[in-house]
C-alpha atoms as a PDB file:
ATOM      1  CA  MET A   1       8.494 -13.164  28.224  1.00  0.00           C
ATOM      2  CA  LEU A   2       6.220 -14.433  25.455  1.00  0.00           C
ATOM      3  CA  ILE A   3       4.319 -11.040  25.460  1.00  0.00           C
ATOM      4  CA  LYS A   4       7.462  -9.065  25.236  1.00  0.00           C
ATOM      5  CA  SER A   5       8.789 -11.165  22.297  1.00  0.00           C
ATOM      6  CA  LEU A   6       5.410 -10.980  20.622  1.00  0.00           C
ATOM      7  CA  HIS A   7       5.481  -7.233  20.806  1.00  0.00           C
ATOM      8  CA  GLN A   8       8.873  -7.105  19.428  1.00  0.00           C
ATOM      9  CA  ALA A   9       7.954  -9.378  16.557  1.00  0.00           C
ATOM     10  CA  LYS A  10       4.985  -7.131  15.659  1.00  0.00           C
ATOM     11  CA  ARG A  11       7.189  -4.021  15.810  1.00  0.00           C
ATOM     12  CA  PHE A  12       9.782  -5.702  13.591  1.00  0.00           C
ATOM     13  CA  LEU A  13       7.153  -6.730  11.062  1.00  0.00           C
ATOM     14  CA  ARG A  14       5.606  -3.282  11.057  1.00  0.00           C
ATOM     15  CA  ILE A  15       9.014  -1.693  10.424  1.00  0.00           C
ATOM     16  CA  VAL A  16       9.829  -4.211   7.596  1.00  0.00           C
ATOM     17  CA  PHE A  17       6.328  -3.632   6.022  1.00  0.00           C
ATOM     18  CA  GLY A  18       6.782   0.195   6.269  1.00  0.00           C
ATOM     19  CA  PHE A  19      10.139   0.083   4.467  1.00  0.00           C
ATOM     20  CA  THR A  20       8.979  -2.363   1.876  1.00  0.00           C
ATOM     21  CA  LEU A  21       6.124  -0.023   1.125  1.00  0.00           C
ATOM     22  CA  LEU A  22       8.525   2.903   0.950  1.00  0.00           C
ATOM     23  CA  VAL A  23      10.846   1.141  -1.470  1.00  0.00           C
ATOM     24  CA  ALA A  24       7.876   0.098  -3.575  1.00  0.00           C
ATOM     25  CA  GLY A  25       6.625   3.686  -3.700  1.00  0.00           C
ATOM     26  CA  ILE A  26       9.858   5.017  -4.807  1.00  0.00           C
ATOM     27  CA  ALA A  27      10.019   2.437  -7.544  1.00  0.00           C
ATOM     28  CA  MET A  28       6.508   3.308  -8.554  1.00  0.00           C
ATOM     29  CA  ILE A  29       7.526   6.899  -9.150  1.00  0.00           C
ATOM     30  CA  ALA A  30       9.640   5.776 -12.179  1.00  0.00           C
ATOM     31  CA  THR A  31       7.163   3.048 -13.175  1.00  0.00           C
ATOM     32  CA  PRO A  32       3.396   3.102 -13.586  1.00  0.00           C
ATOM     33  CA  GLY A  33       1.677   2.974 -10.323  1.00  0.00           C
ATOM     34  CA  PRO A  34       0.433   5.053  -7.328  1.00  0.00           C
ATOM     35  CA  GLY A  35       3.936   5.919  -6.088  1.00  0.00           C
ATOM     36  CA  TRP A  36       3.148   9.001  -4.023  1.00  0.00           C
ATOM     37  CA  ILE A  37       0.065   7.335  -2.388  1.00  0.00           C
ATOM     38  CA  THR A  38       2.254   4.367  -1.442  1.00  0.00           C
ATOM     39  CA  ILE A  39       4.972   6.535  -0.023  1.00  0.00           C
ATOM     40  CA  LEU A  40       2.382   8.353   2.127  1.00  0.00           C
ATOM     41  CA  LEU A  41       1.060   5.016   3.298  1.00  0.00           C
ATOM     42  CA  ALA A  42       4.548   3.807   4.180  1.00  0.00           C
ATOM     43  CA  LEU A  43       5.272   6.988   6.070  1.00  0.00           C
ATOM     44  CA  GLY A  44       1.992   6.391   8.006  1.00  0.00           C
ATOM     45  CA  VAL A  45       3.074   2.945   8.972  1.00  0.00           C
ATOM     46  CA  LEU A  46       6.619   4.096   9.834  1.00  0.00           C
ATOM     47  CA  ALA A  47       5.376   7.109  11.829  1.00  0.00           C
ATOM     48  CA  ALA A  48       4.134   4.655  14.539  1.00  0.00           C
ATOM     49  CA  GLU A  49       7.770   3.664  15.196  1.00  0.00           C
ATOM     50  CA  PHE A  50       9.969   6.533  14.135  1.00  0.00           C
ATOM     51  CA  VAL A  51       9.916  10.269  14.842  1.00  0.00           C
ATOM     52  CA  TRP A  52      11.608  11.234  11.554  1.00  0.00           C
ATOM     53  CA  ALA A  53       8.746   9.618   9.664  1.00  0.00           C
ATOM     54  CA  ARG A  54       6.120  11.438  11.697  1.00  0.00           C
ATOM     55  CA  ARG A  55       7.861  14.773  11.191  1.00  0.00           C
ATOM     56  CA  LEU A  56       8.111  14.121   7.422  1.00  0.00           C
ATOM     57  CA  LEU A  57       4.446  13.142   7.238  1.00  0.00           C
ATOM     58  CA  ASP A  58       3.464  16.185   9.119  1.00  0.00           C
ATOM     59  CA  ARG A  59       5.494  18.410   6.722  1.00  0.00           C
ATOM     60  CA  ILE A  60       3.915  16.747   3.792  1.00  0.00           C
ATOM     61  CA  LYS A  61       0.417  17.406   5.240  1.00  0.00           C
ATOM     62  CA  ARG A  62       1.322  21.046   5.842  1.00  0.00           C
ATOM     63  CA  GLU A  63       2.663  21.529   2.373  1.00  0.00           C
ATOM     64  CA  GLY A  64      -0.363  19.707   0.909  1.00  0.00           C
ATOM     65  CA  GLU A  65      -2.729  22.056   2.805  1.00  0.00           C
ATOM     66  CA  ARG A  66      -0.738  25.139   1.636  1.00  0.00           C
ATOM     67  CA  LEU A  67      -0.831  23.741  -2.054  1.00  0.00           C
ATOM     68  CA  ARG A  68      -4.556  23.146  -1.789  1.00  0.00           C
ATOM     69  CA  SER A  69      -5.373  26.597  -0.407  1.00  0.00           C
ATOM     70  CA  THR A  70      -3.287  28.103  -3.243  1.00  0.00           C
ATOM     71  CA  VAL A  71      -4.894  26.001  -6.032  1.00  0.00           C
ATOM     72  CA  PHE A  72      -8.449  25.978  -4.607  1.00  0.00           C
ATOM     73  CA  PRO A  73      -8.942  29.232  -2.644  1.00  0.00           C
ATOM     74  CA  THR A  74     -11.866  29.504  -0.326  1.00  0.00           C
ATOM     75  CA  ALA A  75     -14.654  32.061  -0.644  1.00  0.00           C
ATOM     76  CA  ASN A  76     -13.009  34.289   1.903  1.00  0.00           C
ATOM     77  CA  THR A  77      -9.718  34.676   0.020  1.00  0.00           C
ATOM     78  CA  THR A  78     -11.082  35.328  -3.399  1.00  0.00           C
ATOM     79  CA  ALA A  79     -10.673  38.682  -5.036  1.00  0.00           C
ATOM     80  CA  THR A  80     -13.367  41.195  -4.690  1.00  0.00           C
ATOM     81  CA  PRO A  81     -15.199  42.217  -7.939  1.00  0.00           C
ATOM     82  CA  GLY A  82     -13.919  45.277  -9.679  1.00  0.00           C
ATOM     83  CA  PRO A  83     -15.953  48.200 -10.863  1.00  0.00           C
ATOM     84  CA  ASP A  84     -18.881  47.490 -13.117  1.00  0.00           C
ATOM     85  CA  VAL A  85     -17.950  47.358 -16.916  1.00  0.00           C
ATOM     86  CA  ASN A  86     -20.693  49.773 -17.765  1.00  0.00           C
ATOM     87  CA  GLY A  87     -19.235  52.408 -15.309  1.00  0.00           C
ATOM     88  CA  ALA A  88     -22.392  52.431 -13.270  1.00  0.00           C
END
């Protein structure tokens, strides 16, 4: 009985901590502070308990990878050099 209630208490505290971080991160978007990092951390905490948080975190990761590959292309996706300027 004690183990079950201890598990529920840990789960409750994890959920409260995750939502507190989420609200703080949203507030930090409008005020100085690391808002997006805090939101990502909050989603990481909440993803342990909620499927919607896991899906949102996975989507943010995918979009981040896409953005990174667009901004910083790898050597395989760079344009090939054109003809020589001297015509040779």
